[in-house]
Every structure is written in C-alpha cells, then in structure tokens.
Amino acid sequence: MSLNANLFVALRDAFPAQRDSTAIETTGETPLHYRWSDLDAATARIANLLDSLDLPAGSRIAAHVDKSVEALMLYLAVLRAGFVYLPLNPAYQAGEMRHFLSDAEPAVVVCSPANFGWLSKLAFTGGCTHVFTLGTDRRGSLLERATFHPDTHEPARREASDLAVILYTSGTTGRSKGAMLTHGNMLSNARTLKAYWNWQPGDVLVHALPIFHIHGLFVACHGALLNGSRMIWFDRFEAPAVIARLPDATVFMGVPTMYVRMLGEPGLSAELCRSMRLFVSGSAPLLSDTFTAWQQRTGHTILERYGMSETVMITSNPYDAADGKRKAGTVGRPLPGVEVRVASPDADSGNGGIEVRGPNVFAGYWRLPEKTREEFTADGWFRTGDVGHLDAEGYLHIVGRAKDLVISGGFNVYPAEVESVIDAMPGVQESAVIGVPHPDFGEAVVAVVVPRAGVALDAEVLTLAVKGQLANFKVPKRVLVVPDLPRNAMGKVQKNLLREQHQGLFQP
C-alpha cells in the first residue's frame, strides 16, 4: 500500500517527540500556550465532526473567520478529514461572499458569530447544508459541537494529486478565480523551503500575517509546523508589539508595509534583533529604500521571495551567502525543482512574460477548464501574468503585471522602471505608475505619488527630475500627489482602482 500523501500526515509527523511542549503561544493581555498534543487532539475532534456530517467526497469547507489558533486548527482538521479547504478574507462583504458561495458551493461554512445572521442566509440560499460559528474568544458552535467527538482520528488517505485547497486569487482585476492546490503542490513547496531557508532545531517564528492567504497560511504555518517550531502568534500586526517579541524569536515573515511600520518605531535596533536568523518579505514589492534601511537599523538583510496563489513559492533570494547575495529589487533565483523562463523577451529591455513549471504549480482554476488551458503553454508552462527578466546571475527582476504594461504612442512602458526612479527621489514615500486613455497616445503614463510625512511634493519638479533620467515616452504626462494608495488585504497596490479613478484625466 502506498504511503498516505495527505499533507496533514506530513505536518503531524514533524511534530516534536515532546508533545507537551508549546507549539503556539498567543500574545495579548491573557497569553495562551497550545501544546503539540492540543493541536493533534483538537484537529481530531473537528475532523470527526466533519466526518459525522456524511459530506460527499471532495466537499469544500469555507472559512470566513478572523485569525485565531482555532482557525488554524480548522484548516488542519479539514486536511485531516480529506476535504477541501476554502479560506476567505474575513473582510469580504455580502456581494463578494455571494460570488464565492455560488462558485465553490461549499457544503460547510464557518463564520464569525457576528456575521452568522447575514452569512447563514446567503449560505443556505445557495444550497449549503451546514453553517457553524467560530470566534476569536474560542467560542462558537464549531468548537461546541466538536467537544462531543473523540480526540483521536485516522487521517483520510489522499494522493498527492488530490485537491486540498481552493485559494481564490486576490481579484485586483475582475472576478476572483479559484486556484486548485493539491496536497502534493503544497507539501513539495514546504519541504523545499524548509531546506532552502535552512529551518533549524530551536527556530521560533513570529506569526503576524493573515491566515487566509498563501504567505501566512502556507509559507509561514507550514514552515513552522514542518520544522516542529514554536510560533509566537499575533491575531493582528501591531509594530510595537511585534518588535517587542523579536528577542524571543529567530524567524519573521512579513509584507513590505510591516517592515516600513517597524522601521518607524524608534525602539527597533540591532540589539533587539540579536537572536533573529531570518527576515522574509513577500506578497508585494519591497522598495530598495526599505531593504537598505532595514540593513542599517538591524544588521539583517531581508530575504525577498516571489510566489502567487497558483504556484505557492517560485523564487527566493539566497539564504546561504555561499549561494550568492540577497539583491535589492530582485526576488532571487528559482527554487530547487522549480523552473522559470521569460517568454518573448523585449529586444531592448529583455523583459517578457514570466512562465513557471514544477511540482508547486496548481492543478488549474476551479470549474474554468478553458481559462486553465489559456494560462498554460502547449509544453506545460504556467503563464504567471507577470513581466520581468533574468539577469546574468539568474536572479529574477519583476517589472510588473502584463495587464499593467502601458503602451504609449506605440512604445512599451514598464511601470516598475518609472516607479523605481520616482521612489528614489527626495521626499517620496512610494509611487504607482498606471496607463489611462489618451486621445493622442492611446495610453498616457500617469504617476500617483505618496509623499513622506511632513513633505510637500511639487508635481512639476518631479516630472522634470524624471525627464533627466528616462526616455521621454516613459515620462509621466501627469503626476498626482495623494496621501496614500489603495491596497488589498496583502498590501498589493490596486492599480485597477487607480485606473478607474483617473480614466477620464485626459478626456476633452
């Protein structure tokens, strides 16, 4: 009989022999300590509850809950029972949830008690047969029902190719699509990162990310669980509180916004980071200024990596200095076992469509076979939709999304190139470059710029400064100074909203 390829089995097998040691320590006024034995017993009870519902094979279990250790237990229990986990951003409202419920047709929905009224109506109307509640205070019908079930459970047998998770894309343009990730996709990636990032005995992870997304749920949680490492758990990110716990940890994973906010805290220092081994950044581009400022303040070099909902992690800057340095502005080289190529590179810049293949690449889009076929090449490479190039040392440089490419007067303008010039100017916090309709050029380059605190920026001065560094067709036709940029839950700038907001800028 073949080995059980259920991802939960691999994670549980990595739990330390001392099951009474702390697996997760919560923070706040009344910290809690969850033992490894608690994770095993609680996930067994929830898995037994799910089994008792006599759900059809392959049933989806949707989670629209706030971050908590119990929410992580729910995820692990769904894997354990062999069903398909559907994590949803708890900020989603009725209009968004209606789409996810009708598209994925979950058999079970778990939601926050405060949302039960409206969400249960949507779920039952859509044919869902079971709605449970789960609060951050460890209350709710899910745990109440689970307490009546045994605390032992034989994990369901699954093949590596079996579906484990449907992860909806962030939806920065159009309707979100459900990326189907298998047990094999996620386990292969977790094992690769464990080796490549040199997870070690005694590592402790500060977990301050959301857990409805690949970064917090898969990269961070899988990494700690597969290494048998303790997690210091924050229900939400608060820079002062996170900084205060760095002396107790060795690994931190965050998005660029988190690093910027921590740099804004006067208490951040090299001494405070003395026990830290690894700082990882992802989910959005890390500015070179932030990369350098972190080095100067802490003595640590942030490791930037690249992944997406459809592929988990694709590339990473080196962990080991013997493999090369960590380069600001790049996302590193392809991970072991993962292949990356640039299709149809531009003759001048070398930029082209980034394509990837490997055991980490998803099985396709949920109930969208034609869309799935469109996104894969004839020889089996997945088209990421990102544009970039590989440098002489094999490091990947991402210049933007293909949909964000601006074609002005017949010339290709890559937003990241213009943004890098603007971001380096005095007084600029960050920028976003977009294309909007223009009667003469087809599209015009527009820069939306956020100033640093207390700085007044002059749009004309910025435009003149860009002219001194870039070809004229790349120079923004208009510079707009704004207090902030619209972002999704993982910190990515929503350029589609900026384009919608400014589409009439050049109309007569």
Protein backbone atom coordinates (compact mmCIF):
# COMPACT_ATOMS: atom_id res chain seq x y z
CA MET A 1 0.00 0.00 0.00
CA SER A 2 1.34 3.43 -0.94
CA LEU A 3 2.09 5.98 1.75
CA ASN A 4 -0.66 8.42 2.67
CA ALA A 5 0.12 11.68 0.80
CA ASN A 6 -2.27 13.72 2.97
CA LEU A 7 -0.44 16.96 3.80
CA PHE A 8 -1.70 16.78 7.39
CA VAL A 9 0.13 13.49 7.92
CA ALA A 10 3.45 15.04 6.87
CA LEU A 11 2.90 18.01 9.17
CA ARG A 12 1.87 15.89 12.16
CA ASP A 13 4.77 13.50 11.64
CA ALA A 14 7.07 16.53 12.09
CA PHE A 15 5.63 17.43 15.49
CA PRO A 16 8.37 17.09 18.14
CA ALA A 17 8.50 13.95 20.26
CA GLN A 18 7.83 16.09 23.33
CA ARG A 19 4.15 16.67 22.58
CA ASP A 20 3.58 18.58 25.82
CA SER A 21 5.91 21.38 24.74
CA THR A 22 4.46 24.64 23.44
CA ALA A 23 3.51 24.72 19.76
CA ILE A 24 1.82 28.13 19.67
CA GLU A 25 1.96 30.98 22.17
CA THR A 26 -0.61 33.72 21.77
CA THR A 27 0.02 37.34 22.67
CA GLY A 28 -2.09 39.99 24.36
CA GLU A 29 -3.43 40.53 27.85
CA THR A 30 -4.01 36.83 28.58
CA PRO A 31 -1.49 34.76 26.58
CA LEU A 32 -2.35 31.12 25.93
CA HIS A 33 0.01 28.21 25.33
CA TYR A 34 -1.16 25.49 22.95
CA ARG A 35 0.78 22.23 23.13
CA TRP A 36 1.52 19.99 20.18
CA SER A 37 -0.79 17.45 21.78
CA ASP A 38 -3.52 20.11 21.80
CA LEU A 39 -3.17 20.61 18.04
CA ASP A 40 -3.45 16.86 17.49
CA ALA A 41 -6.46 16.40 19.76
CA ALA A 42 -8.38 19.48 18.62
CA THR A 43 -7.93 18.78 14.92
CA ALA A 44 -9.08 15.21 15.55
CA ARG A 45 -12.28 16.39 17.22
CA ILE A 46 -13.08 18.83 14.38
CA ALA A 47 -12.22 16.22 11.74
CA ASN A 48 -14.54 13.72 13.47
CA LEU A 49 -17.29 16.36 13.50
CA LEU A 50 -16.86 16.88 9.74
CA ASP A 51 -16.90 13.13 9.16
CA SER A 52 -20.16 12.86 11.13
CA LEU A 53 -21.90 15.16 8.64
CA ASP A 54 -21.71 12.49 5.88
CA LEU A 55 -20.46 15.01 3.35
CA PRO A 56 -19.80 13.96 -0.26
CA ALA A 57 -16.19 13.28 -1.21
CA GLY A 58 -14.37 16.45 -2.23
CA SER A 59 -16.69 18.74 -0.26
CA ARG A 60 -15.49 22.28 0.23
CA ILE A 61 -15.29 23.73 3.74
CA ALA A 62 -15.37 27.54 3.63
CA ALA A 63 -13.81 29.60 6.45
CA HIS A 64 -14.81 33.27 6.75
CA VAL A 65 -13.33 33.84 10.20
CA ASP A 66 -10.94 36.16 11.95
CA LYS A 67 -7.41 34.98 12.68
CA SER A 68 -7.08 32.65 15.66
CA VAL A 69 -5.27 29.48 16.60
CA GLU A 70 -8.62 27.69 16.39
CA ALA A 71 -8.97 28.89 12.78
CA LEU A 72 -5.61 27.26 12.04
CA MET A 73 -6.89 24.10 13.73
CA LEU A 74 -9.92 24.17 11.44
CA TYR A 75 -7.66 24.26 8.39
CA LEU A 76 -5.60 21.33 9.66
CA ALA A 77 -8.76 19.39 10.52
CA VAL A 78 -10.16 19.85 7.01
CA LEU A 79 -6.94 18.42 5.58
CA ARG A 80 -7.03 15.61 8.13
CA ALA A 81 -10.58 14.67 7.16
CA GLY A 82 -9.66 14.78 3.47
CA PHE A 83 -11.95 17.60 2.46
CA VAL A 84 -11.09 20.80 0.55
CA TYR A 85 -10.33 23.99 2.48
CA LEU A 86 -11.64 27.32 1.21
CA PRO A 87 -10.10 30.26 3.13
CA LEU A 88 -11.85 33.60 2.62
CA ASN A 89 -10.83 37.08 3.71
CA PRO A 90 -12.99 37.94 6.75
CA ALA A 91 -13.32 41.47 5.37
CA TYR A 92 -15.42 40.20 2.44
CA GLN A 93 -18.96 41.51 2.46
CA ALA A 94 -22.24 40.09 1.15
CA GLY A 95 -21.70 40.93 -2.53
CA GLU A 96 -18.29 39.27 -2.57
CA MET A 97 -19.37 36.28 -0.49
CA ARG A 98 -22.30 35.63 -2.80
CA HIS A 99 -19.82 35.04 -5.62
CA PHE A 100 -17.59 32.68 -3.63
CA LEU A 101 -20.50 30.67 -2.25
CA SER A 102 -22.16 30.27 -5.65
CA ASP A 103 -18.88 29.42 -7.38
CA ALA A 104 -17.35 26.99 -4.86
CA GLU A 105 -20.66 25.62 -3.49
CA PRO A 106 -19.23 24.70 -0.07
CA ALA A 107 -21.00 22.03 1.95
CA VAL A 108 -19.93 23.71 5.19
CA VAL A 109 -19.40 27.38 6.03
CA VAL A 110 -17.67 28.51 9.22
CA CYS A 111 -18.07 32.19 10.06
CA SER A 112 -17.62 34.66 12.89
CA PRO A 113 -20.60 34.76 15.30
CA ALA A 114 -21.17 38.43 14.44
CA ASN A 115 -21.69 37.53 10.75
CA PHE A 116 -23.90 34.49 11.25
CA GLY A 117 -27.16 36.33 10.56
CA TRP A 118 -26.48 37.54 7.04
CA LEU A 119 -23.94 34.92 6.01
CA SER A 120 -26.06 31.92 7.03
CA LYS A 121 -28.91 33.26 4.87
CA LEU A 122 -26.57 33.51 1.88
CA ALA A 123 -25.17 30.06 2.54
CA PHE A 124 -28.49 28.26 2.98
CA THR A 125 -29.96 30.04 -0.04
CA GLY A 126 -27.01 28.79 -2.06
CA GLY A 127 -27.56 25.19 -1.01
CA CYS A 128 -25.04 24.93 1.84
CA THR A 129 -26.29 22.47 4.46
CA HIS A 130 -24.16 23.36 7.47
CA VAL A 131 -23.12 26.73 8.95
CA PHE A 132 -21.01 26.88 12.11
CA THR A 133 -19.58 29.80 14.04
CA LEU A 134 -16.05 30.33 15.36
CA GLY A 135 -14.98 33.38 17.33
CA THR A 136 -11.56 34.62 18.38
CA ASP A 137 -12.62 34.02 22.01
CA ARG A 138 -12.69 30.24 21.39
CA ARG A 139 -16.47 30.26 21.38
CA GLY A 140 -18.94 29.25 18.72
CA SER A 141 -20.93 26.28 17.54
CA LEU A 142 -17.99 24.63 15.74
CA LEU A 143 -16.00 24.03 18.91
CA GLU A 144 -19.14 23.33 20.96
CA ARG A 145 -20.13 20.54 18.57
CA ALA A 146 -16.58 19.25 18.25
CA THR A 147 -16.25 18.67 22.01
CA PHE A 148 -18.70 15.75 21.73
CA HIS A 149 -16.37 13.88 19.35
CA PRO A 150 -13.29 11.73 20.08
CA ASP A 151 -9.84 13.34 20.24
CA THR A 152 -8.28 10.67 18.03
CA HIS A 153 -8.79 10.39 14.27
CA GLU A 154 -7.21 8.38 11.49
CA PRO A 155 -6.31 10.87 8.71
CA ALA A 156 -8.09 10.29 5.41
CA ARG A 157 -5.96 8.68 2.74
CA ARG A 158 -5.11 11.06 -0.06
CA GLU A 159 -2.93 11.01 -3.16
CA ALA A 160 -0.51 13.82 -3.93
CA SER A 161 -2.72 14.82 -6.86
CA ASP A 162 -5.85 15.15 -4.71
CA LEU A 163 -7.28 18.60 -4.17
CA ALA A 164 -6.54 20.13 -0.74
CA VAL A 165 -7.31 23.85 -1.04
CA ILE A 166 -9.13 26.25 -3.31
CA LEU A 167 -7.48 29.63 -2.96
CA TYR A 168 -9.25 32.49 -4.69
CA THR A 169 -6.98 34.97 -6.40
CA SER A 170 -6.82 38.42 -4.85
CA GLY A 171 -9.11 39.81 -7.50
CA THR A 172 -7.24 43.04 -8.26
CA THR A 173 -8.91 42.83 -11.66
CA GLY A 174 -12.25 41.22 -12.42
CA ARG A 175 -13.82 38.33 -10.57
CA SER A 176 -11.59 36.16 -8.40
CA LYS A 177 -10.78 32.71 -9.77
CA GLY A 178 -10.33 29.65 -7.56
CA ALA A 179 -6.82 28.21 -7.81
CA MET A 180 -6.88 24.48 -7.05
CA LEU A 181 -3.87 23.42 -4.97
CA THR A 182 -3.17 19.76 -4.28
CA HIS A 183 -1.62 18.03 -1.28
CA GLY A 184 1.46 17.44 -3.44
CA ASN A 185 1.71 21.08 -4.55
CA MET A 186 1.91 22.36 -1.01
CA LEU A 187 4.00 19.62 0.56
CA SER A 188 6.65 19.80 -2.16
CA ASN A 189 6.92 23.56 -1.69
CA ALA A 190 7.01 23.36 2.11
CA ARG A 191 9.80 20.79 2.03
CA THR A 192 11.77 22.84 -0.49
CA LEU A 193 11.53 25.99 1.65
CA LYS A 194 12.44 24.08 4.80
CA ALA A 195 15.72 23.06 3.19
CA TYR A 196 16.42 26.23 1.22
CA TRP A 197 15.77 28.61 4.14
CA ASN A 198 17.66 26.29 6.48
CA TRP A 199 14.94 25.84 9.10
CA GLN A 200 16.78 24.69 12.22
CA PRO A 201 16.03 22.97 15.54
CA GLY A 202 15.03 25.62 18.05
CA ASP A 203 13.71 28.09 15.47
CA VAL A 204 10.81 30.24 16.68
CA LEU A 205 8.51 32.05 14.24
CA VAL A 206 6.81 35.37 14.93
CA HIS A 207 3.49 34.93 13.09
CA ALA A 208 1.77 38.27 12.43
CA LEU A 209 0.31 37.62 8.95
CA PRO A 210 -3.30 36.85 7.99
CA ILE A 211 -4.10 33.16 7.51
CA PHE A 212 -6.46 33.34 4.52
CA HIS A 213 -3.54 33.76 2.11
CA ILE A 214 -0.54 31.69 0.95
CA HIS A 215 2.02 33.78 2.84
CA GLY A 216 0.58 33.41 6.32
CA LEU A 217 -1.23 30.08 5.99
CA PHE A 218 1.10 28.06 3.79
CA VAL A 219 4.58 29.60 3.78
CA ALA A 220 4.63 30.62 7.46
CA CYS A 221 2.46 27.98 9.16
CA HIS A 222 3.65 25.08 7.03
CA GLY A 223 7.25 26.14 7.62
CA ALA A 224 6.89 26.18 11.39
CA LEU A 225 4.79 23.01 11.60
CA LEU A 226 7.03 21.03 9.26
CA ASN A 227 10.01 22.02 11.38
CA GLY A 228 8.29 21.41 14.72
CA SER A 229 8.90 25.06 15.58
CA ARG A 230 7.05 27.16 18.13
CA MET A 231 5.02 30.12 16.86
CA ILE A 232 4.53 33.42 18.68
CA TRP A 233 1.03 34.24 17.44
CA PHE A 234 -0.39 37.71 16.82
CA ASP A 235 -4.05 37.97 15.84
CA ARG A 236 -3.15 41.23 14.07
CA PHE A 237 0.02 43.12 13.25
CA GLU A 238 0.98 45.93 15.60
CA ALA A 239 4.53 47.16 15.07
CA PRO A 240 5.48 47.94 18.71
CA ALA A 241 4.13 44.62 19.99
CA VAL A 242 5.84 42.59 17.25
CA ILE A 243 9.17 44.35 17.77
CA ALA A 244 8.99 43.60 21.48
CA ARG A 245 8.92 39.85 20.77
CA LEU A 246 11.78 39.71 18.27
CA PRO A 247 14.33 38.89 21.03
CA ASP A 248 12.33 35.67 21.68
CA ALA A 249 12.32 34.52 18.06
CA THR A 250 14.54 33.58 15.12
CA VAL A 251 12.27 33.93 12.06
CA PHE A 252 9.86 36.64 10.92
CA MET A 253 7.77 36.74 7.74
CA GLY A 254 6.01 39.91 6.65
CA VAL A 255 4.86 42.13 3.83
CA PRO A 256 6.72 45.35 2.95
CA THR A 257 4.21 47.52 4.81
CA MET A 258 5.08 45.71 8.03
CA TYR A 259 8.79 46.44 7.59
CA VAL A 260 8.07 50.11 6.88
CA ARG A 261 5.97 50.38 10.05
CA MET A 262 8.60 48.65 12.17
CA LEU A 263 11.24 50.99 10.80
CA GLY A 264 9.05 53.83 12.05
CA GLU A 265 9.43 52.57 15.63
CA PRO A 266 12.36 54.18 17.48
CA GLY A 267 12.90 51.02 19.52
CA LEU A 268 13.94 48.91 16.53
CA SER A 269 17.65 48.14 16.78
CA ALA A 270 20.33 45.57 16.03
CA GLU A 271 20.37 44.61 19.70
CA LEU A 272 16.65 43.87 19.61
CA CYS A 273 17.21 41.59 16.60
CA ARG A 274 20.22 39.81 18.07
CA SER A 275 18.57 36.37 18.15
CA MET A 276 16.94 36.67 14.73
CA ARG A 277 18.16 34.44 11.93
CA LEU A 278 15.85 35.28 9.03
CA PHE A 279 13.56 38.09 7.91
CA VAL A 280 11.41 37.23 4.86
CA SER A 281 9.37 39.66 2.75
CA GLY A 282 6.81 38.93 0.06
CA SER A 283 3.27 39.43 -1.31
CA ALA A 284 4.19 42.90 -2.66
CA PRO A 285 7.38 44.56 -3.99
CA LEU A 286 9.93 45.61 -1.37
CA LEU A 287 11.35 49.07 -2.06
CA SER A 288 15.14 49.32 -2.19
CA ASP A 289 14.96 52.11 0.41
CA THR A 290 13.25 49.76 2.86
CA PHE A 291 15.74 46.99 2.08
CA THR A 292 18.69 49.30 2.81
CA ALA A 293 17.15 50.99 5.84
CA TRP A 294 16.48 47.59 7.43
CA GLN A 295 20.10 46.57 6.91
CA GLN A 296 21.34 49.77 8.52
CA ARG A 297 19.00 49.63 11.52
CA THR A 298 19.11 45.91 12.35
CA GLY A 299 22.21 44.48 10.73
CA HIS A 300 19.99 41.95 8.91
CA THR A 301 19.33 41.65 5.19
CA ILE A 302 15.72 40.94 4.27
CA LEU A 303 15.22 37.88 2.07
CA GLU A 304 12.70 38.71 -0.65
CA ARG A 305 10.91 35.91 -2.48
CA TYR A 306 8.23 35.53 -5.14
CA GLY A 307 5.11 33.42 -5.25
CA MET A 308 1.45 33.53 -6.12
CA SER A 309 -1.83 31.79 -5.34
CA GLU A 310 -1.41 29.42 -8.27
CA THR A 311 2.13 28.31 -7.50
CA VAL A 312 2.95 28.88 -3.82
CA MET A 313 6.65 29.96 -3.85
CA ILE A 314 8.58 30.21 -7.13
CA THR A 315 11.86 32.02 -6.43
CA SER A 316 13.87 33.21 -3.46
CA ASN A 317 16.94 35.26 -2.79
CA PRO A 318 19.64 33.01 -1.30
CA TYR A 319 19.62 32.13 2.36
CA ASP A 320 23.23 30.96 2.37
CA ALA A 321 25.82 33.59 1.44
CA ALA A 322 27.74 30.86 -0.35
CA ASP A 323 24.90 30.74 -2.88
CA GLY A 324 25.08 34.46 -3.59
CA LYS A 325 23.98 37.74 -2.07
CA ARG A 326 20.47 39.00 -1.48
CA LYS A 327 19.88 41.67 -4.11
CA ALA A 328 17.57 44.60 -3.50
CA GLY A 329 14.95 44.90 -6.22
CA THR A 330 15.04 41.21 -7.17
CA VAL A 331 13.15 38.15 -6.00
CA GLY A 332 16.08 35.80 -6.38
CA ARG A 333 16.58 32.60 -8.31
CA PRO A 334 14.18 29.73 -8.99
CA LEU A 335 13.79 27.41 -6.01
CA PRO A 336 15.21 23.88 -6.35
CA GLY A 337 12.93 21.80 -8.54
CA VAL A 338 11.17 24.87 -9.97
CA GLU A 339 11.85 26.17 -13.48
CA VAL A 340 11.37 29.77 -14.62
CA ARG A 341 11.66 31.21 -18.11
CA VAL A 342 10.95 34.55 -19.78
CA ALA A 343 8.85 34.25 -22.92
CA SER A 344 9.18 36.58 -25.92
CA PRO A 345 11.67 38.96 -24.27
CA ASP A 346 11.71 42.56 -25.45
CA ALA A 347 14.79 43.22 -27.60
CA ASP A 348 15.77 46.34 -25.66
CA SER A 349 14.96 45.52 -22.03
CA GLY A 350 14.91 41.74 -22.04
CA ASN A 351 11.54 41.86 -20.29
CA GLY A 352 8.93 39.30 -21.18
CA GLY A 353 6.21 37.10 -19.73
CA ILE A 354 7.32 35.07 -16.71
CA GLU A 355 6.43 31.40 -17.00
CA VAL A 356 6.96 28.61 -14.48
CA ARG A 357 6.65 24.87 -14.12
CA GLY A 358 7.31 22.43 -11.31
CA PRO A 359 5.58 20.34 -8.63
CA ASN A 360 4.38 23.54 -6.94
CA VAL A 361 2.20 24.63 -9.88
CA PHE A 362 -1.54 24.31 -9.26
CA ALA A 363 -3.94 21.89 -10.90
CA GLY A 364 -5.98 24.61 -12.61
CA TYR A 365 -8.84 27.03 -11.97
CA TRP A 366 -11.94 25.73 -10.26
CA ARG A 367 -14.63 24.98 -12.85
CA LEU A 368 -12.83 27.03 -15.50
CA PRO A 369 -11.25 24.47 -17.85
CA GLU A 370 -10.99 26.89 -20.78
CA LYS A 371 -9.33 29.57 -18.63
CA THR A 372 -6.95 26.92 -17.30
CA ARG A 373 -5.97 25.90 -20.83
CA GLU A 374 -5.40 29.54 -21.78
CA GLU A 375 -2.98 30.05 -18.89
CA PHE A 376 -0.76 27.09 -19.77
CA THR A 377 1.52 26.85 -22.79
CA ALA A 378 1.43 23.88 -25.12
CA ASP A 379 4.57 22.50 -23.44
CA GLY A 380 3.13 22.77 -19.93
CA TRP A 381 4.43 26.08 -18.53
CA PHE A 382 2.11 28.28 -16.46
CA ARG A 383 1.84 31.89 -17.60
CA THR A 384 2.06 33.90 -14.38
CA GLY A 385 0.87 37.16 -15.93
CA ASP A 386 3.93 38.91 -14.51
CA VAL A 387 6.56 40.59 -16.67
CA GLY A 388 10.28 40.63 -15.93
CA HIS A 389 13.74 39.40 -16.84
CA LEU A 390 16.52 37.18 -15.55
CA ASP A 391 19.87 38.87 -15.04
CA ALA A 392 23.30 37.39 -15.77
CA GLU A 393 23.36 35.69 -12.35
CA GLY A 394 19.93 34.14 -12.81
CA TYR A 395 18.08 36.49 -10.45
CA LEU A 396 14.53 37.35 -11.45
CA HIS A 397 13.56 41.02 -11.73
CA ILE A 398 9.79 41.67 -11.88
CA VAL A 399 8.75 44.89 -13.60
CA GLY A 400 5.00 44.49 -13.25
CA ARG A 401 1.92 42.63 -14.35
CA ALA A 402 1.32 42.15 -18.05
CA LYS A 403 -2.04 43.88 -17.60
CA ASP A 404 -0.24 46.88 -16.07
CA LEU A 405 2.02 47.38 -19.10
CA VAL A 406 1.45 50.85 -20.55
CA ILE A 407 1.63 51.20 -24.34
CA SER A 408 2.03 54.90 -25.05
CA GLY A 409 2.42 56.08 -28.62
CA GLY A 410 3.37 52.52 -29.62
CA PHE A 411 6.16 52.27 -27.01
CA ASN A 412 6.11 49.80 -24.10
CA VAL A 413 6.46 51.40 -20.69
CA TYR A 414 7.07 49.12 -17.72
CA PRO A 415 5.64 50.80 -14.59
CA ALA A 416 8.28 49.38 -12.23
CA GLU A 417 11.05 51.14 -14.11
CA VAL A 418 9.39 54.53 -13.76
CA GLU A 419 8.39 53.83 -10.16
CA SER A 420 11.98 52.99 -9.19
CA VAL A 421 13.15 56.39 -10.46
CA ILE A 422 10.38 58.28 -8.67
CA ASP A 423 10.73 56.30 -5.42
CA ALA A 424 14.40 57.25 -5.22
CA MET A 425 13.61 60.99 -5.23
CA PRO A 426 13.81 63.03 -2.01
CA GLY A 427 10.56 63.24 -0.11
CA VAL A 428 8.84 60.37 -1.96
CA GLN A 429 7.40 57.55 0.14
CA GLU A 430 6.16 55.44 -2.78
CA SER A 431 4.55 55.67 -6.19
CA ALA A 432 2.30 53.78 -8.58
CA VAL A 433 2.52 54.23 -12.34
CA ILE A 434 -0.54 53.48 -14.47
CA GLY A 435 -1.78 53.97 -18.00
CA VAL A 436 -5.00 55.86 -18.72
CA PRO A 437 -6.78 56.61 -22.02
CA HIS A 438 -5.29 59.47 -24.04
CA PRO A 439 -6.66 60.86 -27.33
CA ASP A 440 -3.24 61.14 -28.99
CA PHE A 441 -1.06 58.43 -27.42
CA GLY A 442 -3.67 55.74 -26.84
CA GLU A 443 -2.48 55.49 -23.26
CA ALA A 444 -0.70 58.11 -21.19
CA VAL A 445 1.73 57.40 -18.39
CA VAL A 446 0.44 58.74 -15.07
CA ALA A 447 2.32 58.62 -11.77
CA VAL A 448 0.41 58.62 -8.48
CA VAL A 449 2.86 59.62 -5.75
CA VAL A 450 2.69 59.47 -1.94
CA PRO A 451 4.97 61.93 -0.10
CA ARG A 452 6.86 61.16 3.08
CA ALA A 453 5.32 62.50 6.29
CA GLY A 454 5.62 66.28 6.53
CA VAL A 455 6.88 66.71 2.96
CA ALA A 456 5.15 68.81 0.30
CA LEU A 457 5.91 67.49 -3.18
CA ASP A 458 5.75 69.57 -6.37
CA ALA A 459 4.41 67.58 -9.32
CA GLU A 460 6.26 69.70 -11.89
CA VAL A 461 9.57 69.27 -10.08
CA LEU A 462 9.07 65.50 -10.02
CA THR A 463 8.27 65.44 -13.73
CA LEU A 464 11.40 67.41 -14.60
CA ALA A 465 13.51 65.09 -12.47
CA VAL A 466 12.16 62.03 -14.30
CA LYS A 467 12.93 63.66 -17.65
CA GLY A 468 16.56 63.78 -16.67
CA GLN A 469 16.71 60.01 -16.19
CA LEU A 470 14.32 58.33 -18.62
CA ALA A 471 13.40 58.47 -22.28
CA ASN A 472 10.66 60.99 -22.99
CA PHE A 473 8.00 58.39 -23.81
CA LYS A 474 8.40 56.98 -20.26
CA VAL A 475 7.99 60.35 -18.55
CA PRO A 476 4.57 60.71 -16.86
CA LYS A 477 2.19 63.01 -18.68
CA ARG A 478 0.73 63.81 -15.27
CA VAL A 479 1.97 63.42 -11.70
CA LEU A 480 -0.69 63.23 -8.98
CA VAL A 481 0.27 63.66 -5.34
CA VAL A 482 -2.03 61.72 -2.96
CA PRO A 483 -1.98 60.81 0.76
CA ASP A 484 -1.99 57.04 0.16
CA LEU A 485 -2.51 54.28 -2.40
CA PRO A 486 -5.39 51.77 -2.44
CA ARG A 487 -4.26 48.29 -1.37
CA ASN A 488 -5.76 44.85 -0.98
CA ALA A 489 -5.52 42.81 2.22
CA MET A 490 -1.97 41.64 1.48
CA GLY A 491 -0.62 45.11 0.78
CA LYS A 492 -0.62 44.98 -3.02
CA VAL A 493 -1.45 48.27 -4.71
CA GLN A 494 -4.74 48.01 -6.56
CA LYS A 495 -3.85 49.68 -9.82
CA ASN A 496 -7.19 48.76 -11.31
CA LEU A 497 -8.84 51.14 -8.85
CA LEU A 498 -6.37 53.88 -9.73
CA ARG A 499 -7.07 53.38 -13.43
CA GLU A 500 -10.81 53.57 -12.83
CA GLN A 501 -10.43 56.69 -10.70
CA HIS A 502 -8.32 58.56 -13.27
CA GLN A 503 -9.56 57.15 -16.60
CA GLY A 504 -11.10 60.48 -17.57
CA LEU A 505 -7.98 62.53 -16.82
CA PHE A 506 -7.23 63.36 -20.48
CA GLN A 507 -10.74 63.33 -21.89
CA PRO A 508 -11.81 66.62 -23.50
